[in-house]
PDB file of N, CA and C in Angstrom:
ATOM      1  N   MET A   1     -33.185  91.764  28.544  1.00  0.00           N
ATOM      2  CA  MET A   1     -33.216  90.346  28.799  1.00  0.00           C
ATOM      3  C   MET A   1     -32.014  89.966  29.660  1.00  0.00           C
ATOM      4  N   LEU A   2     -32.240  89.161  30.662  1.00  0.00           N
ATOM      5  CA  LEU A   2     -31.149  88.681  31.505  1.00  0.00           C
ATOM      6  C   LEU A   2     -30.441  87.522  30.824  1.00  0.00           C
ATOM      7  N   LYS A   3     -29.122  87.503  31.000  1.00  0.00           N
ATOM      8  CA  LYS A   3     -28.315  86.479  30.364  1.00  0.00           C
ATOM      9  C   LYS A   3     -27.283  85.962  31.370  1.00  0.00           C
ATOM     10  N   LEU A   4     -27.145  84.651  31.438  1.00  0.00           N
ATOM     11  CA  LEU A   4     -26.158  84.023  32.305  1.00  0.00           C
ATOM     12  C   LEU A   4     -24.786  84.155  31.656  1.00  0.00           C
ATOM     13  N   VAL A   5     -23.805  84.628  32.425  1.00  0.00           N
ATOM     14  CA  VAL A   5     -22.449  84.831  31.896  1.00  0.00           C
ATOM     15  C   VAL A   5     -21.625  83.578  32.177  1.00  0.00           C
ATOM     16  N   ASN A   6     -20.949  83.074  31.132  1.00  0.00           N
ATOM     17  CA  ASN A   6     -20.107  81.895  31.325  1.00  0.00           C
ATOM     18  C   ASN A   6     -18.750  82.295  31.900  1.00  0.00           C
ATOM     19  N   GLN A   7     -17.975  81.309  32.316  1.00  0.00           N
ATOM     20  CA  GLN A   7     -16.698  81.580  32.988  1.00  0.00           C
ATOM     21  C   GLN A   7     -15.713  82.323  32.094  1.00  0.00           C
ATOM     22  N   ARG A   8     -15.694  82.014  30.822  1.00  0.00           N
ATOM     23  CA  ARG A   8     -14.773  82.692  29.905  1.00  0.00           C
ATOM     24  C   ARG A   8     -15.067  84.192  29.862  1.00  0.00           C
ATOM     25  N   LYS A   9     -16.350  84.542  29.774  1.00  0.00           N
ATOM     26  CA  LYS A   9     -16.724  85.962  29.724  1.00  0.00           C
ATOM     27  C   LYS A   9     -16.487  86.655  31.058  1.00  0.00           C
ATOM     28  N   VAL A  10     -16.671  85.925  32.152  1.00  0.00           N
ATOM     29  CA  VAL A  10     -16.379  86.506  33.465  1.00  0.00           C
ATOM     30  C   VAL A  10     -14.901  86.876  33.517  1.00  0.00           C
ATOM     31  N   LYS A  11     -14.054  85.960  33.094  1.00  0.00           N
ATOM     32  CA  LYS A  11     -12.608  86.194  33.120  1.00  0.00           C
ATOM     33  C   LYS A  11     -12.224  87.362  32.204  1.00  0.00           C
ATOM     34  N   GLU A  12     -12.789  87.408  31.003  1.00  0.00           N
ATOM     35  CA  GLU A  12     -12.464  88.458  30.035  1.00  0.00           C
ATOM     36  C   GLU A  12     -12.935  89.837  30.488  1.00  0.00           C
ATOM     37  N   ASN A  13     -14.068  89.899  31.165  1.00  0.00           N
ATOM     38  CA  ASN A  13     -14.696  91.187  31.494  1.00  0.00           C
ATOM     39  C   ASN A  13     -14.757  91.450  32.995  1.00  0.00           C
ATOM     40  N   TRP A  14     -13.919  90.797  33.781  1.00  0.00           N
ATOM     41  CA  TRP A  14     -14.007  90.904  35.234  1.00  0.00           C
ATOM     42  C   TRP A  14     -13.880  92.342  35.718  1.00  0.00           C
ATOM     43  N   GLU A  15     -13.010  93.133  35.129  1.00  0.00           N
ATOM     44  CA  GLU A  15     -12.836  94.515  35.602  1.00  0.00           C
ATOM     45  C   GLU A  15     -14.141  95.298  35.487  1.00  0.00           C
ATOM     46  N   THR A  16     -14.889  95.093  34.421  1.00  0.00           N
ATOM     47  CA  THR A  16     -16.180  95.762  34.255  1.00  0.00           C
ATOM     48  C   THR A  16     -17.190  95.243  35.263  1.00  0.00           C
ATOM     49  N   TYR A  17     -17.286  93.930  35.377  1.00  0.00           N
ATOM     50  CA  TYR A  17     -18.243  93.343  36.303  1.00  0.00           C
ATOM     51  C   TYR A  17     -17.908  93.702  37.741  1.00  0.00           C
ATOM     52  N   LYS A  18     -16.614  93.743  38.051  1.00  0.00           N
ATOM     53  CA  LYS A  18     -16.176  94.053  39.408  1.00  0.00           C
ATOM     54  C   LYS A  18     -16.660  95.443  39.828  1.00  0.00           C
ATOM     55  N   GLU A  19     -16.555  96.409  38.942  1.00  0.00           N
ATOM     56  CA  GLU A  19     -17.010  97.766  39.266  1.00  0.00           C
ATOM     57  C   GLU A  19     -18.520  97.804  39.472  1.00  0.00           C
ATOM     58  N   GLN A  20     -19.252  97.037  38.677  1.00  0.00           N
ATOM     59  CA  GLN A  20     -20.703  97.005  38.827  1.00  0.00           C
ATOM     60  C   GLN A  20     -21.107  96.327  40.137  1.00  0.00           C
ATOM     61  N   ILE A  21     -20.372  95.298  40.523  1.00  0.00           N
ATOM     62  CA  ILE A  21     -20.644  94.616  41.793  1.00  0.00           C
ATOM     63  C   ILE A  21     -20.346  95.545  42.960  1.00  0.00           C
ATOM     64  N   LYS A  22     -19.230  96.301  42.869  1.00  0.00           N
ATOM     65  CA  LYS A  22     -18.904  97.260  43.928  1.00  0.00           C
ATOM     66  C   LYS A  22     -20.002  98.311  44.064  1.00  0.00           C
ATOM     67  N   THR A  23     -20.509  98.796  42.953  1.00  0.00           N
ATOM     68  CA  THR A  23     -21.587  99.780  42.968  1.00  0.00           C
ATOM     69  C   THR A  23     -22.832  99.192  43.630  1.00  0.00           C
ATOM     70  N   ALA A  24     -23.133  97.948  43.315  1.00  0.00           N
ATOM     71  CA  ALA A  24     -24.303  97.297  43.921  1.00  0.00           C
ATOM     72  C   ALA A  24     -24.114  97.125  45.422  1.00  0.00           C
ATOM     73  N   MET A  25     -22.880  96.849  45.856  1.00  0.00           N
ATOM     74  CA  MET A  25     -22.627  96.668  47.284  1.00  0.00           C
ATOM     75  C   MET A  25     -22.916  97.930  48.078  1.00  0.00           C
ATOM     76  N   VAL A  26     -22.518  99.076  47.567  1.00  0.00           N
ATOM     77  CA  VAL A  26     -22.696 100.315  48.322  1.00  0.00           C
ATOM     78  C   VAL A  26     -24.069 100.926  48.115  1.00  0.00           C
ATOM     79  N   SER A  27     -24.814 100.482  47.102  1.00  0.00           N
ATOM     80  CA  SER A  27     -26.136 101.054  46.872  1.00  0.00           C
ATOM     81  C   SER A  27     -27.193 100.431  47.776  1.00  0.00           C
ATOM     82  N   THR A  28     -26.862  99.337  48.441  1.00  0.00           N
ATOM     83  CA  THR A  28     -27.777  98.675  49.367  1.00  0.00           C
ATOM     84  C   THR A  28     -27.547  99.232  50.768  1.00  0.00           C
ATOM     85  N   ASP A  29     -28.630  99.630  51.448  1.00  0.00           N
ATOM     86  CA  ASP A  29     -28.495 100.122  52.816  1.00  0.00           C
ATOM     87  C   ASP A  29     -27.829  99.065  53.687  1.00  0.00           C
ATOM     88  N   GLY A  30     -26.745  99.438  54.320  1.00  0.00           N
ATOM     89  CA  GLY A  30     -26.029  98.530  55.192  1.00  0.00           C
ATOM     90  C   GLY A  30     -25.178  97.504  54.458  1.00  0.00           C
ATOM     91  N   GLY A  31     -25.049  97.637  53.165  1.00  0.00           N
ATOM     92  CA  GLY A  31     -24.292  96.672  52.372  1.00  0.00           C
ATOM     93  C   GLY A  31     -22.846  96.566  52.789  1.00  0.00           C
ATOM     94  N   LEU A  32     -22.206  97.706  53.033  1.00  0.00           N
ATOM     95  CA  LEU A  32     -20.805  97.664  53.438  1.00  0.00           C
ATOM     96  C   LEU A  32     -20.639  97.091  54.835  1.00  0.00           C
ATOM     97  N   ALA A  33     -21.636  97.268  55.675  1.00  0.00           N
ATOM     98  CA  ALA A  33     -21.556  96.680  57.011  1.00  0.00           C
ATOM     99  C   ALA A  33     -21.562  95.157  56.904  1.00  0.00           C
ATOM    100  N   TYR A  34     -22.333  94.640  55.980  1.00  0.00           N
ATOM    101  CA  TYR A  34     -22.382  93.194  55.764  1.00  0.00           C
ATOM    102  C   TYR A  34     -21.021  92.676  55.300  1.00  0.00           C
ATOM    103  N   PHE A  35     -20.360  93.455  54.461  1.00  0.00           N
ATOM    104  CA  PHE A  35     -19.062  93.053  53.935  1.00  0.00           C
ATOM    105  C   PHE A  35     -17.911  93.552  54.791  1.00  0.00           C
ATOM    106  N   ASP A  36     -18.220  94.203  55.880  1.00  0.00           N
ATOM    107  CA  ASP A  36     -17.223  94.694  56.831  1.00  0.00           C
ATOM    108  C   ASP A  36     -16.245  95.656  56.162  1.00  0.00           C
ATOM    109  N   GLY A  37     -16.671  96.347  55.112  1.00  0.00           N
ATOM    110  CA  GLY A  37     -15.854  97.357  54.455  1.00  0.00           C
ATOM    111  C   GLY A  37     -14.683  96.823  53.665  1.00  0.00           C
ATOM    112  N   ASP A  38     -14.489  95.516  53.627  1.00  0.00           N
ATOM    113  CA  ASP A  38     -13.348  94.931  52.922  1.00  0.00           C
ATOM    114  C   ASP A  38     -13.804  94.427  51.551  1.00  0.00           C
ATOM    115  N   THR A  39     -13.996  95.346  50.614  1.00  0.00           N
ATOM    116  CA  THR A  39     -14.521  94.961  49.312  1.00  0.00           C
ATOM    117  C   THR A  39     -13.534  94.110  48.513  1.00  0.00           C
ATOM    118  N   LYS A  40     -12.233  94.320  48.685  1.00  0.00           N
ATOM    119  CA  LYS A  40     -11.263  93.517  47.937  1.00  0.00           C
ATOM    120  C   LYS A  40     -11.396  92.038  48.272  1.00  0.00           C
ATOM    121  N   LYS A  41     -11.521  91.750  49.552  1.00  0.00           N
ATOM    122  CA  LYS A  41     -11.650  90.365  49.990  1.00  0.00           C
ATOM    123  C   LYS A  41     -12.956  89.756  49.475  1.00  0.00           C
ATOM    124  N   VAL A  42     -14.027  90.531  49.540  1.00  0.00           N
ATOM    125  CA  VAL A  42     -15.326  90.051  49.079  1.00  0.00           C
ATOM    126  C   VAL A  42     -15.299  89.806  47.578  1.00  0.00           C
ATOM    127  N   LEU A  43     -14.730  90.735  46.807  1.00  0.00           N
ATOM    128  CA  LEU A  43     -14.665  90.573  45.359  1.00  0.00           C
ATOM    129  C   LEU A  43     -13.797  89.378  44.970  1.00  0.00           C
ATOM    130  N   LYS A  44     -12.725  89.154  45.710  1.00  0.00           N
ATOM    131  CA  LYS A  44     -11.871  87.996  45.444  1.00  0.00           C
ATOM    132  C   LYS A  44     -12.661  86.712  45.677  1.00  0.00           C
ATOM    133  N   GLY A  45     -13.470  86.677  46.733  1.00  0.00           N
ATOM    134  CA  GLY A  45     -14.305  85.515  47.013  1.00  0.00           C
ATOM    135  C   GLY A  45     -15.356  85.284  45.943  1.00  0.00           C
ATOM    136  N   ILE A  46     -15.975  86.361  45.483  1.00  0.00           N
ATOM    137  CA  ILE A  46     -16.977  86.248  44.422  1.00  0.00           C
ATOM    138  C   ILE A  46     -16.336  85.713  43.152  1.00  0.00           C
ATOM    139  N   TYR A  47     -15.187  86.285  42.786  1.00  0.00           N
ATOM    140  CA  TYR A  47     -14.497  85.850  41.573  1.00  0.00           C
ATOM    141  C   TYR A  47     -14.109  84.375  41.666  1.00  0.00           C
ATOM    142  N   SER A  48     -13.576  83.962  42.806  1.00  0.00           N
ATOM    143  CA  SER A  48     -13.147  82.567  42.939  1.00  0.00           C
ATOM    144  C   SER A  48     -14.333  81.612  42.849  1.00  0.00           C
ATOM    145  N   ARG A  49     -15.481  82.002  43.381  1.00  0.00           N
ATOM    146  CA  ARG A  49     -16.667  81.151  43.270  1.00  0.00           C
ATOM    147  C   ARG A  49     -17.183  81.096  41.837  1.00  0.00           C
ATOM    148  N   LEU A  50     -17.151  82.234  41.149  1.00  0.00           N
ATOM    149  CA  LEU A  50     -17.609  82.251  39.761  1.00  0.00           C
ATOM    150  C   LEU A  50     -16.708  81.424  38.850  1.00  0.00           C
ATOM    151  N   MET A  51     -15.416  81.376  39.158  1.00  0.00           N
ATOM    152  CA  MET A  51     -14.469  80.653  38.311  1.00  0.00           C
ATOM    153  C   MET A  51     -14.316  79.183  38.691  1.00  0.00           C
ATOM    154  N   ASN A  52     -14.872  78.766  39.798  1.00  0.00           N
ATOM    155  CA  ASN A  52     -14.778  77.379  40.237  1.00  0.00           C
ATOM    156  C   ASN A  52     -15.833  76.545  39.507  1.00  0.00           C
ATOM    157  N   PRO A  53     -15.407  75.611  38.656  1.00  0.00           N
ATOM    158  CA  PRO A  53     -16.390  74.831  37.889  1.00  0.00           C
ATOM    159  C   PRO A  53     -17.236  73.894  38.750  1.00  0.00           C
ATOM    160  N   PHE A  54     -16.820  73.645  39.990  1.00  0.00           N
ATOM    161  CA  PHE A  54     -17.566  72.750  40.869  1.00  0.00           C
ATOM    162  C   PHE A  54     -18.499  73.499  41.815  1.00  0.00           C
ATOM    163  N   HIS A  55     -18.497  74.819  41.749  1.00  0.00           N
ATOM    164  CA  HIS A  55     -19.358  75.637  42.608  1.00  0.00           C
ATOM    165  C   HIS A  55     -20.597  76.010  41.805  1.00  0.00           C
ATOM    166  N   HIS A  56     -21.732  75.416  42.165  1.00  0.00           N
ATOM    167  CA  HIS A  56     -22.954  75.608  41.380  1.00  0.00           C
ATOM    168  C   HIS A  56     -23.946  76.566  42.034  1.00  0.00           C
ATOM    169  N   TYR A  57     -23.511  77.271  43.086  1.00  0.00           N
ATOM    170  CA  TYR A  57     -24.442  78.116  43.815  1.00  0.00           C
ATOM    171  C   TYR A  57     -24.290  79.598  43.518  1.00  0.00           C
ATOM    172  N   MET A  58     -23.265  79.987  42.759  1.00  0.00           N
ATOM    173  CA  MET A  58     -23.088  81.388  42.425  1.00  0.00           C
ATOM    174  C   MET A  58     -23.020  81.537  40.909  1.00  0.00           C
ATOM    175  N   HIS A  59     -23.834  82.452  40.396  1.00  0.00           N
ATOM    176  CA  HIS A  59     -23.877  82.733  38.972  1.00  0.00           C
ATOM    177  C   HIS A  59     -23.850  84.245  38.781  1.00  0.00           C
ATOM    178  N   LEU A  60     -23.403  84.667  37.633  1.00  0.00           N
ATOM    179  CA  LEU A  60     -23.431  86.083  37.288  1.00  0.00           C
ATOM    180  C   LEU A  60     -24.384  86.261  36.118  1.00  0.00           C
ATOM    181  N   TRP A  61     -25.379  87.089  36.332  1.00  0.00           N
ATOM    182  CA  TRP A  61     -26.371  87.387  35.305  1.00  0.00           C
ATOM    183  C   TRP A  61     -26.206  88.854  34.927  1.00  0.00           C
ATOM    184  N   ILE A  62     -26.325  89.142  33.637  1.00  0.00           N
ATOM    185  CA  ILE A  62     -26.242  90.533  33.173  1.00  0.00           C
ATOM    186  C   ILE A  62     -27.483  90.872  32.356  1.00  0.00           C
ATOM    187  N   ASP A  63     -27.740  92.154  32.251  1.00  0.00           N
ATOM    188  CA  ASP A  63     -28.816  92.649  31.398  1.00  0.00           C
ATOM    189  C   ASP A  63     -28.212  92.864  30.024  1.00  0.00           C
ATOM    190  N   ASP A  64     -28.630  92.063  29.064  1.00  0.00           N
ATOM    191  CA  ASP A  64     -28.071  92.113  27.722  1.00  0.00           C
ATOM    192  C   ASP A  64     -29.168  92.478  26.723  1.00  0.00           C
ATOM    193  N   ASP A  65     -29.164  93.723  26.290  1.00  0.00           N
ATOM    194  CA  ASP A  65     -30.191  94.187  25.356  1.00  0.00           C
ATOM    195  C   ASP A  65     -29.751  94.091  23.899  1.00  0.00           C
ATOM    196  N   ASN A  66     -28.578  93.523  23.653  1.00  0.00           N
ATOM    197  CA  ASN A  66     -28.098  93.441  22.266  1.00  0.00           C
ATOM    198  C   ASN A  66     -28.845  92.400  21.497  1.00  0.00           C
TER     199      ASN A  66
END
């Protein structure tokens, strides 16, 4: 089941989510070309959007089978 992650959980588990996002970036054909190979900058942008309470266009969903 997919579950929307709230900001508190994003902050608490960012290191785990960050690694999964990096894996998703490189598993897509041409994904790194889209991000220009600068994953740190991209991840910082993703994190800042997820933590911004006024940004309603980016969400983090996880597969939660618990």
